[in-house]
Amino acid sequence: MSRLSDYRLLCFDVYGTLIDWEGGILAALQPILARTNAHFSPEELLRVYHEFESEQQRLTPDMPYSQLLSAIHPRLAERLGLDIPSEEESRQFGESVGSWPAFPDTVDALKRLSKHYKLVVLSNVDRASFAQSNAGSLQAFPFDLIITAQDIGSYKPDRRNFEHMIRAVQADFGVEPSQILQTAQSQFHDHQPARKVGIKSVWIERPGAIMGNQDDPIFDWHFDTLGEMASALEQE
């Protein structure tokens, strides 16, 4: 059986794995929720959000993520029976991405993992939103390579995103697919397509996470947090 230390590169999903994607979305929805007496559970809100987000990503794979969020915002409100937001409110919803918080263990774990691995971002967001996150809650962490959906023109789980990443890390670092670990929360966005292109994966199953989970999850390693993964590597 292979060990974590046998691999050379971690390819990260960011929002959901390093950054609290779900908490960020729920906070960004509060302005339109606060205007009514409607009450929804976090699970209800996130499942509706995930449905609209995935559909819009299929329909407009080249739309930058912040614009995509602005586009689905009024449709979310309509589905939930809320007042339709203004254009400015929808713009603010889309631009909230860069302010979503990192998980408490993230930055320290990245520093520890970087002693052994190349660290690569493969994110569904746009370049500007990721730059804001990296300068903010990720504390300007120096990733070895950053690839966004905007760079590729498609969104995960499209296998083109993973094929693009594989070509890039082969060219930049001489790393082969057998030396990559896809490190992510979402089964839908990351683990399922990574398996299809022959990449092993580490499931960071953030406690309570809802979006992107599926029945019969696939993974090669499983941890609750990135910090736990860093500790397991150090123990090896």
Protein backbone atom coordinates (compact mmCIF):
# COMPACT_ATOMS: atom_id res chain seq x y z
CA MET A 1 0.00 0.00 0.00
CA SER A 2 1.31 3.45 -0.90
CA ARG A 3 1.93 6.13 1.69
CA LEU A 4 1.15 9.85 1.64
CA SER A 5 4.85 10.56 1.46
CA ASP A 6 5.16 8.59 -1.80
CA TYR A 7 3.53 11.47 -3.71
CA ARG A 8 5.08 14.71 -4.91
CA LEU A 9 2.19 17.12 -5.49
CA LEU A 10 -1.14 18.05 -3.89
CA CYS A 11 -3.78 19.53 -6.17
CA PHE A 12 -6.24 21.48 -4.04
CA ASP A 13 -9.80 22.39 -4.37
CA VAL A 14 -9.94 25.67 -2.42
CA TYR A 15 -13.54 26.62 -1.67
CA GLY A 16 -14.90 23.88 0.56
CA THR A 17 -11.48 22.43 1.38
CA LEU A 18 -9.27 25.37 2.37
CA ILE A 19 -11.95 28.06 2.61
CA ASP A 20 -15.37 27.75 4.24
CA TRP A 21 -17.41 27.79 1.04
CA GLU A 22 -20.68 26.87 2.72
CA GLY A 23 -20.33 29.34 5.59
CA GLY A 24 -19.40 32.07 3.10
CA ILE A 25 -22.45 31.44 0.95
CA LEU A 26 -24.82 31.33 3.91
CA ALA A 27 -23.44 34.64 5.19
CA ALA A 28 -23.74 36.23 1.74
CA LEU A 29 -27.39 35.16 1.53
CA GLN A 30 -28.32 36.85 4.81
CA PRO A 31 -29.25 40.27 3.33
CA ILE A 32 -32.09 38.81 1.24
CA LEU A 33 -33.13 36.38 3.97
CA ALA A 34 -33.28 39.10 6.60
CA ARG A 35 -36.02 40.98 4.73
CA THR A 36 -38.59 38.22 5.27
CA ASN A 37 -39.81 36.00 8.06
CA ALA A 38 -38.97 32.87 6.08
CA HIS A 39 -36.83 30.29 7.84
CA PHE A 40 -34.69 27.77 6.03
CA SER A 41 -32.20 25.27 7.34
CA PRO A 42 -28.61 25.60 6.11
CA GLU A 43 -29.09 22.30 4.26
CA GLU A 44 -32.14 23.62 2.39
CA LEU A 45 -30.33 26.79 1.33
CA LEU A 46 -27.14 25.03 0.26
CA ARG A 47 -28.92 22.34 -1.74
CA VAL A 48 -30.83 24.96 -3.73
CA TYR A 49 -27.66 26.98 -4.21
CA HIS A 50 -25.71 23.94 -5.41
CA GLU A 51 -28.47 23.07 -7.90
CA PHE A 52 -28.44 26.55 -9.45
CA GLU A 53 -24.66 26.88 -9.40
CA SER A 54 -24.06 23.53 -11.13
CA GLU A 55 -26.71 24.25 -13.76
CA GLN A 56 -25.27 27.69 -14.54
CA GLN A 57 -21.74 26.29 -14.77
CA ARG A 58 -22.95 23.81 -17.39
CA LEU A 59 -24.78 26.49 -19.34
CA THR A 60 -22.04 29.15 -19.23
CA PRO A 61 -18.71 27.38 -18.64
CA ASP A 62 -16.73 30.47 -19.61
CA MET A 63 -18.54 32.87 -17.23
CA PRO A 64 -16.27 34.05 -14.37
CA TYR A 65 -17.42 32.69 -11.04
CA SER A 66 -18.25 36.01 -9.39
CA GLN A 67 -20.47 36.91 -12.35
CA LEU A 68 -22.04 33.46 -12.24
CA LEU A 69 -22.98 33.97 -8.60
CA SER A 70 -24.52 37.35 -9.42
CA ALA A 71 -26.52 35.71 -12.22
CA ILE A 72 -28.04 32.99 -10.04
CA HIS A 73 -28.75 35.25 -7.04
CA PRO A 74 -32.20 36.50 -8.19
CA ARG A 75 -33.17 32.97 -9.26
CA LEU A 76 -32.26 31.69 -5.81
CA ALA A 77 -34.44 34.36 -4.24
CA GLU A 78 -37.35 33.48 -6.52
CA ARG A 79 -37.09 29.75 -5.78
CA LEU A 80 -37.06 30.49 -2.04
CA GLY A 81 -40.04 32.82 -2.27
CA LEU A 82 -38.01 35.88 -1.29
CA ASP A 83 -38.06 39.44 -2.60
CA ILE A 84 -36.08 39.72 -5.82
CA PRO A 85 -32.77 41.47 -5.02
CA SER A 86 -31.54 44.60 -6.71
CA GLU A 87 -28.73 44.43 -9.27
CA GLU A 88 -26.41 45.93 -6.67
CA GLU A 89 -27.33 43.26 -4.12
CA SER A 90 -26.66 40.53 -6.68
CA ARG A 91 -23.33 42.12 -7.57
CA GLN A 92 -22.35 42.16 -3.91
CA PHE A 93 -23.34 38.51 -3.57
CA GLY A 94 -21.02 37.63 -6.45
CA GLU A 95 -18.18 39.70 -5.06
CA SER A 96 -18.44 38.13 -1.61
CA VAL A 97 -16.23 35.20 -2.69
CA GLY A 98 -12.98 36.93 -1.85
CA SER A 99 -14.08 37.57 1.74
CA TRP A 100 -15.11 34.00 2.60
CA PRO A 101 -13.04 32.78 5.59
CA ALA A 102 -10.38 30.09 5.58
CA PHE A 103 -10.84 27.15 7.94
CA PRO A 104 -8.81 27.63 11.14
CA ASP A 105 -6.36 24.82 10.35
CA THR A 106 -5.75 25.73 6.71
CA VAL A 107 -2.74 28.04 6.64
CA ASP A 108 -0.71 26.14 9.22
CA ALA A 109 -1.44 22.85 7.43
CA LEU A 110 -0.36 24.32 4.08
CA LYS A 111 2.94 25.41 5.59
CA ARG A 112 3.55 21.92 6.97
CA LEU A 113 2.54 20.16 3.77
CA SER A 114 4.69 22.46 1.64
CA LYS A 115 7.81 20.96 3.22
CA HIS A 116 7.18 17.77 1.25
CA TYR A 117 4.85 18.58 -1.67
CA LYS A 118 4.39 21.03 -4.50
CA LEU A 119 1.03 22.71 -3.77
CA VAL A 120 -1.23 23.50 -6.72
CA VAL A 121 -4.63 25.21 -6.83
CA LEU A 122 -7.30 23.93 -9.23
CA SER A 123 -10.29 26.10 -8.39
CA ASN A 124 -13.70 26.79 -9.90
CA VAL A 125 -13.48 30.50 -9.14
CA ASP A 126 -12.15 33.37 -11.25
CA ARG A 127 -8.66 34.83 -10.96
CA ALA A 128 -9.71 38.05 -9.21
CA SER A 129 -11.76 36.26 -6.55
CA PHE A 130 -8.96 33.82 -5.79
CA ALA A 131 -6.44 36.66 -5.59
CA GLN A 132 -8.62 38.34 -2.95
CA SER A 133 -8.90 35.11 -0.97
CA ASN A 134 -5.19 34.47 -1.19
CA ALA A 135 -4.33 38.00 -0.07
CA GLY A 136 -6.93 37.78 2.71
CA SER A 137 -7.83 34.69 4.70
CA LEU A 138 -5.12 32.52 3.08
CA GLN A 139 -2.52 35.03 4.33
CA ALA A 140 -0.71 35.33 0.98
CA PHE A 141 0.33 31.68 1.03
CA PRO A 142 2.76 31.06 -1.87
CA PHE A 143 1.20 28.24 -3.89
CA ASP A 144 3.47 26.71 -6.53
CA LEU A 145 0.83 27.02 -9.28
CA ILE A 146 -2.64 28.54 -9.46
CA ILE A 147 -5.16 27.37 -12.07
CA THR A 148 -8.73 28.69 -12.10
CA ALA A 149 -11.80 27.82 -14.13
CA GLN A 150 -11.37 31.18 -15.85
CA ASP A 151 -7.98 30.05 -17.16
CA ILE A 152 -9.45 26.87 -18.66
CA GLY A 153 -12.90 27.99 -19.80
CA SER A 154 -14.76 25.21 -18.00
CA TYR A 155 -15.76 24.24 -14.48
CA LYS A 156 -15.07 21.09 -12.50
CA PRO A 157 -16.23 18.32 -12.68
CA ASP A 158 -15.36 18.70 -16.38
CA ARG A 159 -12.40 16.39 -16.93
CA ARG A 160 -10.77 19.08 -19.11
CA ASN A 161 -9.88 20.93 -15.91
CA PHE A 162 -7.97 17.95 -14.58
CA GLU A 163 -6.33 17.24 -17.92
CA HIS A 164 -5.19 20.87 -18.07
CA MET A 165 -3.71 20.58 -14.58
CA ILE A 166 -1.91 17.34 -15.44
CA ARG A 167 -0.28 18.92 -18.51
CA ALA A 168 0.71 22.00 -16.50
CA VAL A 169 2.39 20.14 -13.64
CA GLN A 170 4.19 17.82 -16.04
CA ALA A 171 5.57 20.83 -17.90
CA ASP A 172 6.39 22.96 -14.84
CA PHE A 173 7.55 20.37 -12.31
CA GLY A 174 8.06 17.08 -14.14
CA VAL A 175 5.32 15.52 -11.99
CA GLU A 176 3.40 12.57 -13.45
CA PRO A 177 -0.28 11.77 -12.73
CA SER A 178 0.77 8.86 -10.51
CA GLN A 179 2.56 11.38 -8.23
CA ILE A 180 -0.48 13.67 -7.72
CA LEU A 181 -3.03 13.58 -4.90
CA GLN A 182 -6.26 15.47 -5.52
CA THR A 183 -7.00 16.93 -2.07
CA ALA A 184 -10.57 18.07 -1.70
CA GLN A 185 -13.92 18.04 0.08
CA SER A 186 -16.33 17.65 -2.84
CA GLN A 187 -16.98 14.20 -4.25
CA PHE A 188 -18.93 15.74 -7.14
CA HIS A 189 -16.39 18.36 -8.19
CA ASP A 190 -13.12 16.58 -7.40
CA HIS A 191 -12.98 12.96 -6.34
CA GLN A 192 -15.21 11.50 -9.03
CA PRO A 193 -13.52 13.27 -11.98
CA ALA A 194 -10.03 12.77 -10.52
CA ARG A 195 -10.64 9.01 -10.47
CA LYS A 196 -11.70 9.15 -14.13
CA VAL A 197 -8.33 10.65 -15.15
CA GLY A 198 -6.34 8.25 -12.99
CA ILE A 199 -5.48 10.48 -10.02
CA LYS A 200 -5.65 9.22 -6.43
CA SER A 201 -7.35 11.45 -3.89
CA VAL A 202 -7.49 12.55 -0.28
CA TRP A 203 -10.97 13.32 1.01
CA ILE A 204 -10.96 16.23 3.46
CA GLU A 205 -14.50 15.66 4.69
CA ARG A 206 -15.09 18.87 6.59
CA PRO A 207 -17.50 18.00 9.45
CA GLY A 208 -21.07 18.92 8.53
CA ALA A 209 -20.28 19.66 4.89
CA ILE A 210 -23.25 19.31 2.55
CA MET A 211 -22.47 20.47 -0.96
CA GLY A 212 -20.74 18.11 -3.35
CA ASN A 213 -21.23 15.00 -1.25
CA GLN A 214 -22.62 11.89 -2.91
CA ASP A 215 -23.60 8.36 -1.99
CA ASP A 216 -20.78 5.82 -2.19
CA PRO A 217 -17.88 8.28 -1.85
CA ILE A 218 -14.53 7.35 -3.38
CA PHE A 219 -11.15 8.25 -1.93
CA ASP A 220 -7.74 6.79 -1.11
CA TRP A 221 -7.23 8.64 2.20
CA HIS A 222 -9.81 10.29 4.44
CA PHE A 223 -9.39 13.05 7.04
CA ASP A 224 -11.74 15.53 8.72
CA THR A 225 -9.33 18.44 8.32
CA LEU A 226 -6.24 19.39 6.36
CA GLY A 227 -4.42 19.66 9.67
CA GLU A 228 -5.07 15.98 10.30
CA MET A 229 -3.60 15.13 6.91
CA ALA A 230 -0.46 17.17 7.67
CA SER A 231 -0.07 15.33 10.98
CA ALA A 232 -0.45 11.94 9.26
CA LEU A 233 2.25 12.89 6.76
CA GLU A 234 4.58 13.97 9.58
CA GLN A 235 3.98 10.68 11.41
CA GLU A 236 5.14 8.79 8.33
